[in-house]
Structure formats: C-alpha cells, structure tokens
PDB file of N, CA and C in Angstrom:
ATOM      1  N   MET A   1     121.397 103.345  99.278  1.00  0.00           N
ATOM      2  CA  MET A   1     120.545 103.768  98.186  1.00  0.00           C
ATOM      3  C   MET A   1     120.470 105.297  98.160  1.00  0.00           C
ATOM      4  N   LYS A   2     120.633 105.864  96.984  1.00  0.00           N
ATOM      5  CA  LYS A   2     120.602 107.322  96.852  1.00  0.00           C
ATOM      6  C   LYS A   2     119.170 107.852  96.924  1.00  0.00           C
ATOM      7  N   LYS A   3     119.035 109.012  97.557  1.00  0.00           N
ATOM      8  CA  LYS A   3     117.753 109.698  97.567  1.00  0.00           C
ATOM      9  C   LYS A   3     117.525 110.297  96.185  1.00  0.00           C
ATOM     10  N   LYS A   4     116.252 110.345  95.779  1.00  0.00           N
ATOM     11  CA  LYS A   4     115.896 110.923  94.478  1.00  0.00           C
ATOM     12  C   LYS A   4     114.930 112.081  94.690  1.00  0.00           C
ATOM     13  N   TYR A   5     115.267 113.200  94.063  1.00  0.00           N
ATOM     14  CA  TYR A   5     114.500 114.445  94.169  1.00  0.00           C
ATOM     15  C   TYR A   5     114.237 114.947  92.750  1.00  0.00           C
ATOM     16  N   ALA A   6     113.086 115.593  92.542  1.00  0.00           N
ATOM     17  CA  ALA A   6     112.795 116.157  91.223  1.00  0.00           C
ATOM     18  C   ALA A   6     112.153 117.531  91.353  1.00  0.00           C
ATOM     19  N   PHE A   7     112.439 118.370  90.367  1.00  0.00           N
ATOM     20  CA  PHE A   7     111.801 119.680  90.234  1.00  0.00           C
ATOM     21  C   PHE A   7     111.060 119.684  88.906  1.00  0.00           C
ATOM     22  N   LEU A   8     109.770 120.046  88.918  1.00  0.00           N
ATOM     23  CA  LEU A   8     108.978 120.127  87.700  1.00  0.00           C
ATOM     24  C   LEU A   8     108.729 121.588  87.349  1.00  0.00           C
ATOM     25  N   LEU A   9     109.113 121.948  86.162  1.00  0.00           N
ATOM     26  CA  LEU A   9     108.980 123.303  85.646  1.00  0.00           C
ATOM     27  C   LEU A   9     107.940 123.272  84.528  1.00  0.00           C
ATOM     28  N   MET A  10     106.868 124.069  84.641  1.00  0.00           N
ATOM     29  CA  MET A  10     105.762 124.011  83.692  1.00  0.00           C
ATOM     30  C   MET A  10     105.658 125.274  82.844  1.00  0.00           C
ATOM     31  N   GLY A  11     105.509 125.084  81.529  1.00  0.00           N
ATOM     32  CA  GLY A  11     105.285 126.186  80.604  1.00  0.00           C
ATOM     33  C   GLY A  11     105.095 125.653  79.199  1.00  0.00           C
ATOM     34  N   PRO A  12     104.230 126.290  78.416  1.00  0.00           N
ATOM     35  CA  PRO A  12     103.948 125.796  77.063  1.00  0.00           C
ATOM     36  C   PRO A  12     105.146 125.867  76.113  1.00  0.00           C
ATOM     37  N   GLN A  13     106.166 126.621  76.459  1.00  0.00           N
ATOM     38  CA  GLN A  13     107.330 126.794  75.607  1.00  0.00           C
ATOM     39  C   GLN A  13     108.327 125.640  75.686  1.00  0.00           C
ATOM     40  N   TYR A  14     108.134 124.725  76.616  1.00  0.00           N
ATOM     41  CA  TYR A  14     109.119 123.666  76.834  1.00  0.00           C
ATOM     42  C   TYR A  14     108.886 122.449  75.947  1.00  0.00           C
ATOM     43  N   ASP A  15     109.983 121.784  75.627  1.00  0.00           N
ATOM     44  CA  ASP A  15     109.956 120.484  74.966  1.00  0.00           C
ATOM     45  C   ASP A  15     110.469 119.493  76.002  1.00  0.00           C
ATOM     46  N   SER A  16     109.571 118.731  76.579  1.00  0.00           N
ATOM     47  CA  SER A  16     109.939 117.877  77.704  1.00  0.00           C
ATOM     48  C   SER A  16     110.941 116.782  77.340  1.00  0.00           C
ATOM     49  N   LYS A  17     111.085 116.494  76.073  1.00  0.00           N
ATOM     50  CA  LYS A  17     112.064 115.479  75.662  1.00  0.00           C
ATOM     51  C   LYS A  17     113.497 116.013  75.703  1.00  0.00           C
ATOM     52  N   THR A  18     113.672 117.312  75.511  1.00  0.00           N
ATOM     53  CA  THR A  18     115.026 117.880  75.487  1.00  0.00           C
ATOM     54  C   THR A  18     115.326 118.810  76.653  1.00  0.00           C
ATOM     55  N   HIS A  19     114.325 119.435  77.218  1.00  0.00           N
ATOM     56  CA  HIS A  19     114.539 120.381  78.316  1.00  0.00           C
ATOM     57  C   HIS A  19     114.460 119.662  79.656  1.00  0.00           C
ATOM     58  N   GLN A  20     115.557 119.041  80.026  1.00  0.00           N
ATOM     59  CA  GLN A  20     115.654 118.334  81.293  1.00  0.00           C
ATOM     60  C   GLN A  20     117.113 118.226  81.695  1.00  0.00           C
ATOM     61  N   ALA A  21     117.330 117.943  82.965  1.00  0.00           N
ATOM     62  CA  ALA A  21     118.702 117.821  83.472  1.00  0.00           C
ATOM     63  C   ALA A  21     118.717 116.839  84.643  1.00  0.00           C
ATOM     64  N   CYS A  22     119.890 116.294  84.903  1.00  0.00           N
ATOM     65  CA  CYS A  22     120.077 115.384  86.026  1.00  0.00           C
ATOM     66  C   CYS A  22     121.427 115.695  86.663  1.00  0.00           C
ATOM     67  N   PHE A  23     121.432 115.785  87.982  1.00  0.00           N
ATOM     68  CA  PHE A  23     122.648 116.020  88.748  1.00  0.00           C
ATOM     69  C   PHE A  23     122.771 114.901  89.767  1.00  0.00           C
ATOM     70  N   GLU A  24     123.909 114.243  89.777  1.00  0.00           N
ATOM     71  CA  GLU A  24     124.089 113.127  90.698  1.00  0.00           C
ATOM     72  C   GLU A  24     125.288 113.371  91.594  1.00  0.00           C
ATOM     73  N   THR A  25     125.056 113.193  92.873  1.00  0.00           N
ATOM     74  CA  THR A  25     126.129 113.285  93.857  1.00  0.00           C
ATOM     75  C   THR A  25     126.252 111.928  94.551  1.00  0.00           C
ATOM     76  N   LYS A  26     127.133 111.863  95.499  1.00  0.00           N
ATOM     77  CA  LYS A  26     127.356 110.615  96.236  1.00  0.00           C
ATOM     78  C   LYS A  26     126.072 110.100  96.891  1.00  0.00           C
ATOM     79  N   ASP A  27     125.236 111.016  97.388  1.00  0.00           N
ATOM     80  CA  ASP A  27     124.072 110.624  98.171  1.00  0.00           C
ATOM     81  C   ASP A  27     122.713 110.875  97.525  1.00  0.00           C
ATOM     82  N   GLN A  28     122.686 111.635  96.418  1.00  0.00           N
ATOM     83  CA  GLN A  28     121.385 112.033  95.871  1.00  0.00           C
ATOM     84  C   GLN A  28     121.426 112.186  94.360  1.00  0.00           C
ATOM     85  N   ILE A  29     120.272 111.916  93.741  1.00  0.00           N
ATOM     86  CA  ILE A  29     120.068 112.204  92.322  1.00  0.00           C
ATOM     87  C   ILE A  29     118.982 113.267  92.246  1.00  0.00           C
ATOM     88  N   SER A  30     119.284 114.381  91.588  1.00  0.00           N
ATOM     89  CA  SER A  30     118.327 115.479  91.436  1.00  0.00           C
ATOM     90  C   SER A  30     117.999 115.645  89.958  1.00  0.00           C
ATOM     91  N   TYR A  31     116.704 115.646  89.675  1.00  0.00           N
ATOM     92  CA  TYR A  31     116.223 115.779  88.305  1.00  0.00           C
ATOM     93  C   TYR A  31     115.519 117.119  88.137  1.00  0.00           C
ATOM     94  N   ILE A  32     115.643 117.706  86.965  1.00  0.00           N
ATOM     95  CA  ILE A  32     114.817 118.846  86.570  1.00  0.00           C
ATOM     96  C   ILE A  32     114.105 118.413  85.298  1.00  0.00           C
ATOM     97  N   TYR A  33     112.783 118.409  85.351  1.00  0.00           N
ATOM     98  CA  TYR A  33     111.971 118.037  84.193  1.00  0.00           C
ATOM     99  C   TYR A  33     111.053 119.196  83.840  1.00  0.00           C
ATOM    100  N   THR A  34     110.787 119.347  82.565  1.00  0.00           N
ATOM    101  CA  THR A  34     109.822 120.335  82.114  1.00  0.00           C
ATOM    102  C   THR A  34     108.576 119.621  81.606  1.00  0.00           C
ATOM    103  N   VAL A  35     107.458 120.301  81.746  1.00  0.00           N
ATOM    104  CA  VAL A  35     106.179 119.830  81.213  1.00  0.00           C
ATOM    105  C   VAL A  35     105.468 121.036  80.616  1.00  0.00           C
ATOM    106  N   ARG A  36     104.612 120.784  79.641  1.00  0.00           N
ATOM    107  CA  ARG A  36     103.917 121.895  78.971  1.00  0.00           C
ATOM    108  C   ARG A  36     102.628 122.293  79.668  1.00  0.00           C
ATOM    109  N   ASN A  37     102.047 121.374  80.444  1.00  0.00           N
ATOM    110  CA  ASN A  37     100.756 121.656  81.078  1.00  0.00           C
ATOM    111  C   ASN A  37     100.562 120.737  82.283  1.00  0.00           C
ATOM    112  N   PHE A  38      99.462 120.944  82.988  1.00  0.00           N
ATOM    113  CA  PHE A  38      99.209 120.192  84.214  1.00  0.00           C
ATOM    114  C   PHE A  38      99.072 118.701  83.938  1.00  0.00           C
ATOM    115  N   LYS A  39      98.410 118.338  82.850  1.00  0.00           N
ATOM    116  CA  LYS A  39      98.236 116.922  82.505  1.00  0.00           C
ATOM    117  C   LYS A  39      99.589 116.237  82.350  1.00  0.00           C
ATOM    118  N   GLU A  40     100.508 116.879  81.624  1.00  0.00           N
ATOM    119  CA  GLU A  40     101.858 116.315  81.477  1.00  0.00           C
ATOM    120  C   GLU A  40     102.562 116.230  82.827  1.00  0.00           C
ATOM    121  N   GLY A  41     102.318 117.206  83.684  1.00  0.00           N
ATOM    122  CA  GLY A  41     102.912 117.180  85.018  1.00  0.00           C
ATOM    123  C   GLY A  41     102.449 115.966  85.811  1.00  0.00           C
ATOM    124  N   CYS A  42     101.160 115.653  85.727  1.00  0.00           N
ATOM    125  CA  CYS A  42     100.620 114.480  86.430  1.00  0.00           C
ATOM    126  C   CYS A  42     101.197 113.192  85.858  1.00  0.00           C
ATOM    127  N   GLU A  43     101.360 113.144  84.541  1.00  0.00           N
ATOM    128  CA  GLU A  43     101.955 111.964  83.915  1.00  0.00           C
ATOM    129  C   GLU A  43     103.408 111.787  84.361  1.00  0.00           C
ATOM    130  N   ARG A  44     104.155 112.871  84.389  1.00  0.00           N
ATOM    131  CA  ARG A  44     105.551 112.804  84.832  1.00  0.00           C
ATOM    132  C   ARG A  44     105.616 112.384  86.298  1.00  0.00           C
ATOM    133  N   LEU A  45     104.705 112.907  87.109  1.00  0.00           N
ATOM    134  CA  LEU A  45     104.678 112.546  88.520  1.00  0.00           C
ATOM    135  C   LEU A  45     104.470 111.042  88.699  1.00  0.00           C
ATOM    136  N   SER A  46     103.614 110.448  87.894  1.00  0.00           N
ATOM    137  CA  SER A  46     103.408 108.997  87.962  1.00  0.00           C
ATOM    138  C   SER A  46     104.702 108.249  87.662  1.00  0.00           C
ATOM    139  N   GLU A  47     105.440 108.720  86.663  1.00  0.00           N
ATOM    140  CA  GLU A  47     106.724 108.105  86.322  1.00  0.00           C
ATOM    141  C   GLU A  47     107.717 108.255  87.472  1.00  0.00           C
ATOM    142  N   LEU A  48     107.758 109.431  88.056  1.00  0.00           N
ATOM    143  CA  LEU A  48     108.686 109.679  89.170  1.00  0.00           C
ATOM    144  C   LEU A  48     108.359 108.798  90.367  1.00  0.00           C
ATOM    145  N   GLU A  49     107.086 108.622  90.614  1.00  0.00           N
ATOM    146  CA  GLU A  49     106.672 107.774  91.732  1.00  0.00           C
ATOM    147  C   GLU A  49     107.160 106.337  91.506  1.00  0.00           C
ATOM    148  N   LYS A  50     107.016 105.842  90.282  1.00  0.00           N
ATOM    149  CA  LYS A  50     107.470 104.486  89.949  1.00  0.00           C
ATOM    150  C   LYS A  50     108.985 104.348  90.082  1.00  0.00           C
ATOM    151  N   GLU A  51     109.714 105.437  89.828  1.00  0.00           N
ATOM    152  CA  GLU A  51     111.179 105.429  89.906  1.00  0.00           C
ATOM    153  C   GLU A  51     111.701 105.616  91.335  1.00  0.00           C
ATOM    154  N   GLY A  52     110.800 105.811  92.286  1.00  0.00           N
ATOM    155  CA  GLY A  52     111.210 105.927  93.676  1.00  0.00           C
ATOM    156  C   GLY A  52     111.639 107.315  94.113  1.00  0.00           C
ATOM    157  N   VAL A  53     111.196 108.346  93.389  1.00  0.00           N
ATOM    158  CA  VAL A  53     111.497 109.720  93.806  1.00  0.00           C
ATOM    159  C   VAL A  53     110.736 110.004  95.100  1.00  0.00           C
ATOM    160  N   GLY A  54     111.430 110.559  96.085  1.00  0.00           N
ATOM    161  CA  GLY A  54     110.828 110.776  97.396  1.00  0.00           C
ATOM    162  C   GLY A  54     110.350 112.189  97.658  1.00  0.00           C
ATOM    163  N   ALA A  55     110.818 113.152  96.851  1.00  0.00           N
ATOM    164  CA  ALA A  55     110.410 114.545  97.041  1.00  0.00           C
ATOM    165  C   ALA A  55     110.351 115.230  95.676  1.00  0.00           C
ATOM    166  N   VAL A  56     109.300 116.024  95.486  1.00  0.00           N
ATOM    167  CA  VAL A  56     109.112 116.762  94.238  1.00  0.00           C
ATOM    168  C   VAL A  56     108.772 118.202  94.583  1.00  0.00           C
ATOM    169  N   GLU A  57     109.463 119.118  93.951  1.00  0.00           N
ATOM    170  CA  GLU A  57     109.156 120.545  94.079  1.00  0.00           C
ATOM    171  C   GLU A  57     108.549 120.979  92.749  1.00  0.00           C
ATOM    172  N   LEU A  58     107.457 121.723  92.819  1.00  0.00           N
ATOM    173  CA  LEU A  58     106.763 122.208  91.630  1.00  0.00           C
ATOM    174  C   LEU A  58     107.031 123.694  91.451  1.00  0.00           C
ATOM    175  N   CYS A  59     107.152 124.133  90.210  1.00  0.00           N
ATOM    176  CA  CYS A  59     107.284 125.567  89.971  1.00  0.00           C
ATOM    177  C   CYS A  59     105.976 126.248  90.354  1.00  0.00           C
ATOM    178  N   GLY A  60     106.017 127.534  90.507  1.00  0.00           N
ATOM    179  CA  GLY A  60     104.860 128.293  90.943  1.00  0.00           C
ATOM    180  C   GLY A  60     103.662 128.212  90.018  1.00  0.00           C
ATOM    181  N   ALA A  61     103.872 127.872  88.743  1.00  0.00           N
ATOM    182  CA  ALA A  61     102.765 127.777  87.795  1.00  0.00           C
ATOM    183  C   ALA A  61     101.755 126.700  88.201  1.00  0.00           C
ATOM    184  N   PHE A  62     102.168 125.726  88.978  1.00  0.00           N
ATOM    185  CA  PHE A  62     101.245 124.689  89.437  1.00  0.00           C
ATOM    186  C   PHE A  62     100.275 125.225  90.481  1.00  0.00           C
ATOM    187  N   GLY A  63     100.726 126.180  91.281  1.00  0.00           N
ATOM    188  CA  GLY A  63      99.887 126.781  92.309  1.00  0.00           C
ATOM    189  C   GLY A  63      99.513 125.816  93.415  1.00  0.00           C
ATOM    190  N   ALA A  64      98.854 126.348  94.420  1.00  0.00           N
ATOM    191  CA  ALA A  64      98.470 125.552  95.593  1.00  0.00           C
ATOM    192  C   ALA A  64      97.487 124.451  95.220  1.00  0.00           C
ATOM    193  N   ASP A  65      96.527 124.760  94.353  1.00  0.00           N
ATOM    194  CA  ASP A  65      95.537 123.750  93.966  1.00  0.00           C
ATOM    195  C   ASP A  65      96.180 122.613  93.184  1.00  0.00           C
ATOM    196  N   GLY A  66      97.101 122.945  92.283  1.00  0.00           N
ATOM    197  CA  GLY A  66      97.800 121.911  91.531  1.00  0.00           C
ATOM    198  C   GLY A  66      98.640 121.030  92.430  1.00  0.00           C
ATOM    199  N   ALA A  67      99.322 121.650  93.383  1.00  0.00           N
ATOM    200  CA  ALA A  67     100.129 120.874  94.332  1.00  0.00           C
ATOM    201  C   ALA A  67      99.245 119.938  95.147  1.00  0.00           C
ATOM    202  N   LYS A  68      98.090 120.425  95.569  1.00  0.00           N
ATOM    203  CA  LYS A  68      97.166 119.602  96.348  1.00  0.00           C
ATOM    204  C   LYS A  68      96.699 118.401  95.530  1.00  0.00           C
ATOM    205  N   LYS A  69      96.362 118.632  94.273  1.00  0.00           N
ATOM    206  CA  LYS A  69      95.914 117.526  93.408  1.00  0.00           C
ATOM    207  C   LYS A  69      97.024 116.495  93.215  1.00  0.00           C
ATOM    208  N   MET A  70      98.252 116.954  93.111  1.00  0.00           N
ATOM    209  CA  MET A  70      99.362 116.024  92.920  1.00  0.00           C
ATOM    210  C   MET A  70      99.660 115.250  94.201  1.00  0.00           C
ATOM    211  N   ILE A  71      99.484 115.875  95.339  1.00  0.00           N
ATOM    212  CA  ILE A  71      99.623 115.173  96.617  1.00  0.00           C
ATOM    213  C   ILE A  71      98.568 114.067  96.690  1.00  0.00           C
ATOM    214  N   GLU A  72      97.350 114.398  96.289  1.00  0.00           N
ATOM    215  CA  GLU A  72      96.275 113.404  96.278  1.00  0.00           C
ATOM    216  C   GLU A  72      96.588 112.272  95.298  1.00  0.00           C
ATOM    217  N   GLN A  73      97.145 112.616  94.144  1.00  0.00           N
ATOM    218  CA  GLN A  73      97.492 111.611  93.138  1.00  0.00           C
ATOM    219  C   GLN A  73      98.455 110.570  93.708  1.00  0.00           C
ATOM    220  N   THR A  74      99.384 111.007  94.538  1.00  0.00           N
ATOM    221  CA  THR A  74     100.379 110.090  95.115  1.00  0.00           C
ATOM    222  C   THR A  74      99.934 109.540  96.468  1.00  0.00           C
ATOM    223  N   HIS A  75      98.687 109.811  96.849  1.00  0.00           N
ATOM    224  CA  HIS A  75      98.151 109.353  98.130  1.00  0.00           C
ATOM    225  C   HIS A  75      99.037 109.807  99.293  1.00  0.00           C
ATOM    226  N   ASN A  76      99.595 111.012  99.145  1.00  0.00           N
ATOM    227  CA  ASN A  76     100.417 111.644 100.183  1.00  0.00           C
ATOM    228  C   ASN A  76     101.645 110.798 100.550  1.00  0.00           C
ATOM    229  N   LYS A  77     102.205 110.087  99.565  1.00  0.00           N
ATOM    230  CA  LYS A  77     103.372 109.244  99.824  1.00  0.00           C
ATOM    231  C   LYS A  77     104.676 109.864  99.344  1.00  0.00           C
ATOM    232  N   ILE A  78     104.579 111.000  98.636  1.00  0.00           N
ATOM    233  CA  ILE A  78     105.764 111.727  98.177  1.00  0.00           C
ATOM    234  C   ILE A  78     105.681 113.140  98.749  1.00  0.00           C
ATOM    235  N   ALA A  79     106.796 113.654  99.243  1.00  0.00           N
ATOM    236  CA  ALA A  79     106.834 115.040  99.720  1.00  0.00           C
ATOM    237  C   ALA A  79     106.717 115.959  98.501  1.00  0.00           C
ATOM    238  N   ILE A  80     105.677 116.782  98.459  1.00  0.00           N
ATOM    239  CA  ILE A  80     105.455 117.672  97.318  1.00  0.00           C
ATOM    240  C   ILE A  80     105.291 119.098  97.820  1.00  0.00           C
ATOM    241  N   GLY A  81     106.113 119.983  97.284  1.00  0.00           N
ATOM    242  CA  GLY A  81     106.032 121.398  97.609  1.00  0.00           C
ATOM    243  C   GLY A  81     105.893 122.194  96.324  1.00  0.00           C
ATOM    244  N   TYR A  82     105.657 123.469  96.452  1.00  0.00           N
ATOM    245  CA  TYR A  82     105.620 124.325  95.267  1.00  0.00           C
ATOM    246  C   TYR A  82     106.232 125.674  95.596  1.00  0.00           C
ATOM    247  N   VAL A  83     106.828 126.261  94.584  1.00  0.00           N
ATOM    248  CA  VAL A  83     107.538 127.523  94.728  1.00  0.00           C
ATOM    249  C   VAL A  83     106.528 128.665  94.789  1.00  0.00           C
ATOM    250  N   THR A  84     106.790 129.589  95.672  1.00  0.00           N
ATOM    251  CA  THR A  84     105.953 130.777  95.782  1.00  0.00           C
ATOM    252  C   THR A  84     106.858 131.984  96.021  1.00  0.00           C
ATOM    253  N   HIS A  85     106.264 133.152  96.112  1.00  0.00           N
ATOM    254  CA  HIS A  85     107.046 134.359  96.368  1.00  0.00           C
ATOM    255  C   HIS A  85     106.267 135.262  97.318  1.00  0.00           C
ATOM    256  N   ASN A  86     106.946 136.247  97.847  1.00  0.00           N
ATOM    257  CA  ASN A  86     106.309 137.190  98.756  1.00  0.00           C
ATOM    258  C   ASN A  86     105.361 138.097  97.974  1.00  0.00           C
ATOM    259  N   PRO A  87     104.175 138.375  98.531  1.00  0.00           N
ATOM    260  CA  PRO A  87     103.181 139.191  97.837  1.00  0.00           C
ATOM    261  C   PRO A  87     103.689 140.567  97.399  1.00  0.00           C
ATOM    262  N   GLU A  88     104.632 141.141  98.156  1.00  0.00           N
ATOM    263  CA  GLU A  88     105.123 142.477  97.779  1.00  0.00           C
ATOM    264  C   GLU A  88     105.888 142.456  96.453  1.00  0.00           C
ATOM    265  N   GLN A  89     106.165 141.275  95.920  1.00  0.00           N
ATOM    266  CA  GLN A  89     106.841 141.182  94.624  1.00  0.00           C
ATOM    267  C   GLN A  89     105.890 140.801  93.488  1.00  0.00           C
ATOM    268  N   ASP A  90     104.594 140.795  93.750  1.00  0.00           N
ATOM    269  CA  ASP A  90     103.620 140.429  92.724  1.00  0.00           C
ATOM    270  C   ASP A  90     103.799 141.227  91.434  1.00  0.00           C
ATOM    271  N   ASP A  91     103.997 142.542  91.547  1.00  0.00           N
ATOM    272  CA  ASP A  91     104.138 143.384  90.356  1.00  0.00           C
ATOM    273  C   ASP A  91     105.346 142.964  89.513  1.00  0.00           C
ATOM    274  N   LEU A  92     106.447 142.625  90.173  1.00  0.00           N
ATOM    275  CA  LEU A  92     107.644 142.192  89.449  1.00  0.00           C
ATOM    276  C   LEU A  92     107.405 140.867  88.727  1.00  0.00           C
ATOM    277  N   PHE A  93     106.742 139.941  89.393  1.00  0.00           N
ATOM    278  CA  PHE A  93     106.449 138.653  88.768  1.00  0.00           C
ATOM    279  C   PHE A  93     105.465 138.820  87.624  1.00  0.00           C
ATOM    280  N   ASP A  94     104.447 139.645  87.823  1.00  0.00           N
ATOM    281  CA  ASP A  94     103.464 139.898  86.747  1.00  0.00           C
ATOM    282  C   ASP A  94     104.143 140.525  85.539  1.00  0.00           C
ATOM    283  N   ALA A  95     105.044 141.459  85.777  1.00  0.00           N
ATOM    284  CA  ALA A  95     105.761 142.116  84.674  1.00  0.00           C
ATOM    285  C   ALA A  95     106.654 141.119  83.927  1.00  0.00           C
ATOM    286  N   PHE A  96     107.320 140.258  84.661  1.00  0.00           N
ATOM    287  CA  PHE A  96     108.231 139.319  84.022  1.00  0.00           C
ATOM    288  C   PHE A  96     107.486 138.214  83.286  1.00  0.00           C
ATOM    289  N   PHE A  97     106.506 137.605  83.926  1.00  0.00           N
ATOM    290  CA  PHE A  97     105.801 136.454  83.334  1.00  0.00           C
ATOM    291  C   PHE A  97     104.585 136.850  82.504  1.00  0.00           C
ATOM    292  N   GLY A  98     104.145 138.096  82.598  1.00  0.00           N
ATOM    293  CA  GLY A  98     102.969 138.532  81.856  1.00  0.00           C
ATOM    294  C   GLY A  98     103.235 138.619  80.358  1.00  0.00           C
ATOM    295  N   ASN A  99     102.165 138.829  79.652  1.00  0.00           N
ATOM    296  CA  ASN A  99     102.282 138.903  78.175  1.00  0.00           C
ATOM    297  C   ASN A  99     102.889 140.174  77.767  1.00  0.00           C
TER     298      ASN A  99
END
C-alpha cells in the first residue's frame, strides 16, 4: 500500500477546485491542495483523513495555533507539521507577503 502525504497551501487568492496537484511514485502519493481559509483547511483535512493520508504539512499561514487545532481535530492520528522560517528573515517575508 502506498503512503499518502499532503501539503495544504492557504490563501484567499486560491480556487481549491483548480489549484491542486498530485504526484505519484512507486511508493507514495503526494498531494498539494489549496484552501482559501482555515475553515476550508479543516474540511480538507477531514477528507484527507478519510482517504488514509498519514502526514500533512501546512503552509506557514496556518501558524502554530492552526496546526495545533488540526492535530486535535484528527485526535493526533495524522502527522501534522507546518512550515516556518528563521526569525532573521522576518523582514523579507513581511515584504513579500505584506500588502
């Protein structure tokens, strides 16, 4: 049985019906899904759990609190991480993602 992994990318600019990708290798299926907000992220996570995804990485927009809530949602049965960066790059991230 192939391992299933997913990455959730969150932003209001995404259309979750079209902005997605799937990569399949001999041993693993990797999904990239977009969601517009945290609520959609939780809904997608429920779907992924039903599909047997064993690990989910969240983009940094979810933050530590969002990741914690999603871990609780799955009763700590799925490996969930979130992307972060080194504090010395805060200015670069603020400049890029800021308004």
